[in-house]
Every structure is written in structure tokens, then in C-alpha cells.
Amino acid sequence: MNNSFAYWGYILTLIGGILIIVFGLLGLIGNSLGSAFSPAGHYLTGAMYSIVAIIIGGICIIGSKSVGILVWAIVLLVLGIVSGGIGGALVILGALLGLLSIFVKSQPNR
């Protein structure tokens, strides 16, 4: 990561991935504790969404180091859109900063 755009993209993506995991775990705990009176279909749907959110958060944390690479920036952008919420918004911002660091070249000193 050669420039500050990629560094701040890394920080935002890392924080967003952690928040996605935390909210996924809270959703999983909330579904398991509060689902005594809910239908089984709703319980499974909520639990599956929480598990998918935890997986997406893990991928975002792993990919945050490579936010300055074009493929990873696009993957993180899509994952941020899919996950949604405040964590997803931070991942989107981090991926956009990663894309900005790729497309904006620093001018050499003269």
C-alpha cells in the first residue's frame, strides 16, 4: 500500500468487516434466544442470514490488506453492497478509496 488512499481504505474496510461480524453474531444470538415464539422458517432464515454475514465479514477482513488491488477492491465493493448496514457502508467506502488509489497515480517529484 503505497499511498494514503489505500491505507485509509484498509482501515475502513477492516472496521467495516469487524462490524459485519459483530452484527452477524448479535443477530445469531438474538435469533437463537428470541425465537422461542417465532415460526421455524423465520428462525432458519434469520440464522442463515447471520451466518452469511459472518462469512462476508471474514472475507472483508481478509481482503482488507489487498484493498489496493483492483480485483479485491471490486470484490469488497460487491460484498459491502450485499451485506448492507453500517459495516457494509464502511466496506464500500474503503473499497472506493482502494479503487481511487489504483486509478489516481502520484506524480513523480521533479
Protein backbone atom coordinates (compact mmCIF):
# COMPACT_ATOMS: atom_id res chain seq x y z
CA MET A 1 0.00 0.00 0.00
CA ASN A 2 1.93 2.94 -1.30
CA ASN A 3 -0.38 5.85 -0.67
CA SER A 4 -2.77 7.18 1.91
CA PHE A 5 -5.92 6.35 -0.07
CA ALA A 6 -5.11 2.66 0.13
CA TYR A 7 -4.20 2.96 3.82
CA TRP A 8 -7.49 4.63 4.75
CA GLY A 9 -9.34 2.13 2.56
CA TYR A 10 -7.66 -0.65 4.52
CA ILE A 11 -8.67 0.91 7.86
CA LEU A 12 -12.31 1.48 6.80
CA THR A 13 -12.62 -1.99 5.30
CA LEU A 14 -11.15 -3.62 8.39
CA ILE A 15 -13.50 -1.75 10.74
CA GLY A 16 -16.46 -2.49 8.45
CA GLY A 17 -15.61 -6.21 8.34
CA ILE A 18 -15.37 -6.33 12.13
CA LEU A 19 -18.75 -4.59 12.45
CA ILE A 20 -20.35 -7.01 9.98
CA ILE A 21 -19.10 -9.96 12.04
CA VAL A 22 -20.26 -8.38 15.31
CA PHE A 23 -23.73 -7.64 13.97
CA GLY A 24 -23.90 -11.13 12.43
CA LEU A 25 -23.04 -12.69 15.78
CA LEU A 26 -25.56 -10.49 17.56
CA GLY A 27 -28.20 -11.48 15.03
CA LEU A 28 -27.36 -15.14 15.50
CA ILE A 29 -27.56 -14.85 19.28
CA GLY A 30 -30.76 -12.83 19.05
CA ASN A 31 -32.34 -15.39 16.75
CA SER A 32 -31.42 -18.28 18.99
CA LEU A 33 -32.54 -16.58 22.20
CA GLY A 34 -35.62 -14.79 20.95
CA SER A 35 -37.03 -17.39 18.60
CA ALA A 36 -39.00 -19.45 21.11
CA PHE A 37 -42.27 -17.96 19.85
CA SER A 38 -41.34 -17.44 16.20
CA PRO A 39 -42.05 -19.83 13.32
CA ALA A 40 -39.25 -22.22 12.39
CA GLY A 41 -38.97 -20.84 8.86
CA HIS A 42 -38.28 -17.35 10.12
CA TYR A 43 -35.73 -18.69 12.58
CA LEU A 44 -33.80 -20.57 9.90
CA THR A 45 -33.88 -17.61 7.54
CA GLY A 46 -32.55 -15.25 10.20
CA ALA A 47 -29.89 -17.71 11.30
CA MET A 48 -28.74 -18.30 7.72
CA TYR A 49 -28.51 -14.55 7.10
CA SER A 50 -26.41 -14.17 10.25
CA ILE A 51 -24.07 -16.98 9.19
CA VAL A 52 -23.70 -15.45 5.72
CA ALA A 53 -22.98 -12.05 7.31
CA ILE A 54 -20.26 -13.61 9.48
CA ILE A 55 -18.68 -15.21 6.40
CA ILE A 56 -18.87 -11.93 4.44
CA GLY A 57 -17.27 -10.09 7.36
CA GLY A 58 -14.44 -12.62 7.47
CA ILE A 59 -13.79 -12.21 3.76
CA CYS A 60 -13.79 -8.42 4.19
CA ILE A 61 -11.24 -8.65 6.98
CA ILE A 62 -9.01 -10.97 4.95
CA GLY A 63 -9.32 -8.82 1.82
CA SER A 64 -8.76 -5.52 3.60
CA LYS A 65 -4.97 -5.86 3.27
CA SER A 66 -5.34 -6.10 -0.52
CA VAL A 67 -7.72 -3.18 -1.00
CA GLY A 68 -5.17 -1.53 -3.31
CA ILE A 69 -5.51 -4.38 -5.84
CA LEU A 70 -8.21 -3.92 -8.48
CA VAL A 71 -9.83 -7.36 -8.17
CA TRP A 72 -10.00 -7.21 -4.37
CA ALA A 73 -11.38 -3.68 -4.43
CA ILE A 74 -14.22 -4.80 -6.72
CA VAL A 75 -14.88 -7.92 -4.62
CA LEU A 76 -15.01 -5.81 -1.43
CA LEU A 77 -17.32 -3.30 -3.11
CA VAL A 78 -19.76 -6.07 -4.04
CA LEU A 79 -19.55 -7.64 -0.57
CA GLY A 80 -20.22 -4.27 1.04
CA ILE A 81 -23.31 -3.80 -1.13
CA VAL A 82 -24.56 -7.30 -0.36
CA SER A 83 -24.03 -7.07 3.41
CA GLY A 84 -25.58 -3.64 3.92
CA GLY A 85 -25.77 -1.79 7.22
CA ILE A 86 -23.12 0.44 8.74
CA GLY A 87 -20.41 -2.21 8.32
CA GLY A 88 -21.29 -2.61 4.66
CA ALA A 89 -21.17 1.16 4.19
CA LEU A 90 -17.67 1.28 5.67
CA VAL A 91 -16.56 -1.58 3.43
CA ILE A 92 -18.00 0.26 0.41
CA LEU A 93 -16.15 3.45 1.36
CA GLY A 94 -12.93 1.51 1.90
CA ALA A 95 -13.27 -0.24 -1.46
CA LEU A 96 -13.93 3.07 -3.20
CA LEU A 97 -10.80 4.52 -1.61
CA GLY A 98 -8.92 1.45 -2.80
CA LEU A 99 -10.21 1.99 -6.32
CA LEU A 100 -9.27 5.65 -6.07
CA SER A 101 -5.74 4.69 -5.03
CA ILE A 102 -5.48 2.42 -8.06
CA PHE A 103 -6.69 4.95 -10.61
CA VAL A 104 -5.01 8.05 -9.21
CA LYS A 105 -1.32 7.88 -9.86
CA SER A 106 1.02 10.04 -7.83
CA GLN A 107 3.13 12.39 -9.90
CA PRO A 108 6.89 11.99 -9.59
CA ASN A 109 8.85 14.72 -7.85
CA ARG A 110 10.85 16.94 -10.15
